[in-house]
Amino acid sequence: MRIQVNSDKTVDVNDGLKLAVKTHMKKSFDRYGDRVTRVEVHLSDLNGNRGGDMDKRCLLEVRPAGMDPLAVTHQAATVDDAWKGATRKMVRKLTTRFAKATKPVADPAVARA
């Protein structure tokens, strides 16, 4: 699984933050094994230097193997809370998506009988 951390010019992504994000993402998505091929984390500050509550945003995009990409966003007061919240949302979304993908399709002939 490849993990990429991006940000706009208003969020300082230092090596410590990158390591924390990548470690958390790997731990959160390892349960899906090879079914998740890529994780992209996009961090931004919606108000820039003006400040404000809940203005940090994380857009998290995950690419499951053989499926369309999935994306979630989460806004929070801090960058850490934003990417952690987005991760929780994505775990729920992936769990649902993979459960639906493995659900057996009903045979229409059997359903009519």
Protein backbone atom coordinates (compact mmCIF):
# COMPACT_ATOMS: atom_id res chain seq x y z
CA MET A 1 0.00 0.00 0.00
CA ARG A 2 1.37 3.36 -1.02
CA ILE A 3 0.65 6.32 1.28
CA GLN A 4 1.11 9.90 0.09
CA VAL A 5 0.70 13.01 2.26
CA ASN A 6 -0.02 16.35 0.52
CA SER A 7 -0.87 19.80 1.79
CA ASP A 8 -1.60 23.27 0.58
CA LYS A 9 0.77 26.16 1.33
CA THR A 10 -0.97 26.99 4.62
CA VAL A 11 -0.24 23.66 6.35
CA ASP A 12 3.33 22.87 7.33
CA VAL A 13 3.85 19.15 6.80
CA ASN A 14 7.13 18.31 8.50
CA ASP A 15 8.75 14.88 8.68
CA GLY A 16 7.23 14.17 12.11
CA LEU A 17 3.69 14.82 10.87
CA LYS A 18 4.27 12.73 7.73
CA LEU A 19 5.57 9.84 9.84
CA ALA A 20 2.62 10.05 12.25
CA VAL A 21 0.07 10.16 9.41
CA LYS A 22 1.68 7.31 7.46
CA THR A 23 2.01 5.12 10.56
CA HIS A 24 -1.62 5.69 11.52
CA MET A 25 -2.86 5.06 7.96
CA LYS A 26 -0.84 1.85 7.65
CA LYS A 27 -2.17 0.59 10.98
CA SER A 28 -5.76 1.55 10.10
CA PHE A 29 -5.81 0.06 6.59
CA ASP A 30 -3.54 -2.99 7.04
CA ARG A 31 -6.62 -5.05 7.95
CA TYR A 32 -7.70 -4.84 4.31
CA GLY A 33 -4.43 -6.35 3.06
CA ASP A 34 -3.87 -6.11 -0.69
CA ARG A 35 -7.39 -4.78 -1.27
CA VAL A 36 -6.17 -1.21 -0.63
CA THR A 37 -3.42 -0.16 -3.05
CA ARG A 38 -3.05 3.58 -2.41
CA VAL A 39 -3.95 6.16 0.23
CA GLU A 40 -3.73 9.90 -0.49
CA VAL A 41 -4.00 12.39 2.36
CA HIS A 42 -4.68 16.04 1.45
CA LEU A 43 -4.38 18.49 4.36
CA SER A 44 -5.54 22.10 4.13
CA ASP A 45 -6.42 25.14 6.19
CA LEU A 46 -9.66 26.59 4.86
CA ASN A 47 -9.15 30.09 6.33
CA GLY A 48 -5.40 30.34 5.94
CA ASN A 49 -3.81 32.76 8.40
CA ARG A 50 -7.17 34.30 9.38
CA GLY A 51 -7.82 31.51 11.91
CA GLY A 52 -11.20 30.20 12.90
CA ASP A 53 -12.80 27.17 14.47
CA MET A 54 -12.99 23.90 12.59
CA ASP A 55 -10.99 25.27 9.65
CA LYS A 56 -8.51 22.40 9.21
CA ARG A 57 -9.60 19.87 6.60
CA CYS A 58 -8.43 16.46 5.52
CA LEU A 59 -9.52 14.97 2.22
CA LEU A 60 -8.69 11.28 2.29
CA GLU A 61 -8.76 9.25 -0.93
CA VAL A 62 -8.33 5.49 -0.94
CA ARG A 63 -7.98 3.32 -4.01
CA PRO A 64 -9.28 -0.21 -3.48
CA ALA A 65 -7.96 -2.77 -5.95
CA GLY A 66 -10.40 -3.32 -8.81
CA MET A 67 -12.89 -0.70 -7.55
CA ASP A 68 -13.52 3.01 -7.99
CA PRO A 69 -11.64 5.30 -5.60
CA LEU A 70 -13.36 6.34 -2.38
CA ALA A 71 -13.04 9.76 -0.74
CA VAL A 72 -14.08 11.33 2.56
CA THR A 73 -13.45 14.70 4.16
CA HIS A 74 -13.32 15.77 7.77
CA GLN A 75 -13.02 19.26 9.24
CA ALA A 76 -11.66 19.89 12.72
CA ALA A 77 -9.95 22.48 14.89
CA THR A 78 -6.50 20.88 14.42
CA VAL A 79 -4.72 19.13 11.57
CA ASP A 80 -4.29 15.99 13.73
CA ASP A 81 -8.00 15.81 14.52
CA ALA A 82 -8.83 16.33 10.84
CA TRP A 83 -6.80 13.39 9.51
CA LYS A 84 -7.78 11.12 12.39
CA GLY A 85 -11.47 11.89 11.83
CA ALA A 86 -11.14 11.29 8.09
CA THR A 87 -9.45 7.95 8.80
CA ARG A 88 -12.34 6.82 11.02
CA LYS A 89 -14.84 7.76 8.31
CA MET A 90 -12.85 5.91 5.64
CA VAL A 91 -12.54 2.73 7.72
CA ARG A 92 -16.35 2.65 8.04
CA LYS A 93 -16.78 3.35 4.33
CA LEU A 94 -14.30 0.63 3.29
CA THR A 95 -15.86 -1.91 5.64
CA THR A 96 -19.25 -1.26 4.06
CA ARG A 97 -17.88 -1.30 0.50
CA PHE A 98 -16.01 -4.58 0.95
CA ALA A 99 -18.99 -6.19 2.69
CA LYS A 100 -21.23 -5.28 -0.25
CA ALA A 101 -18.64 -6.53 -2.73
CA THR A 102 -18.49 -9.96 -1.10
CA LYS A 103 -22.24 -10.32 -0.62
CA PRO A 104 -23.53 -13.12 -2.85
CA VAL A 105 -25.75 -12.01 -5.71
CA ALA A 106 -29.20 -13.58 -5.60
CA ASP A 107 -30.10 -15.79 -8.56
CA PRO A 108 -33.28 -14.31 -10.13
CA ALA A 109 -34.55 -17.80 -11.00
CA VAL A 110 -34.33 -18.87 -7.35
CA ALA A 111 -35.99 -15.66 -6.13
CA ARG A 112 -39.10 -16.33 -8.29
CA ALA A 113 -39.57 -19.88 -7.10
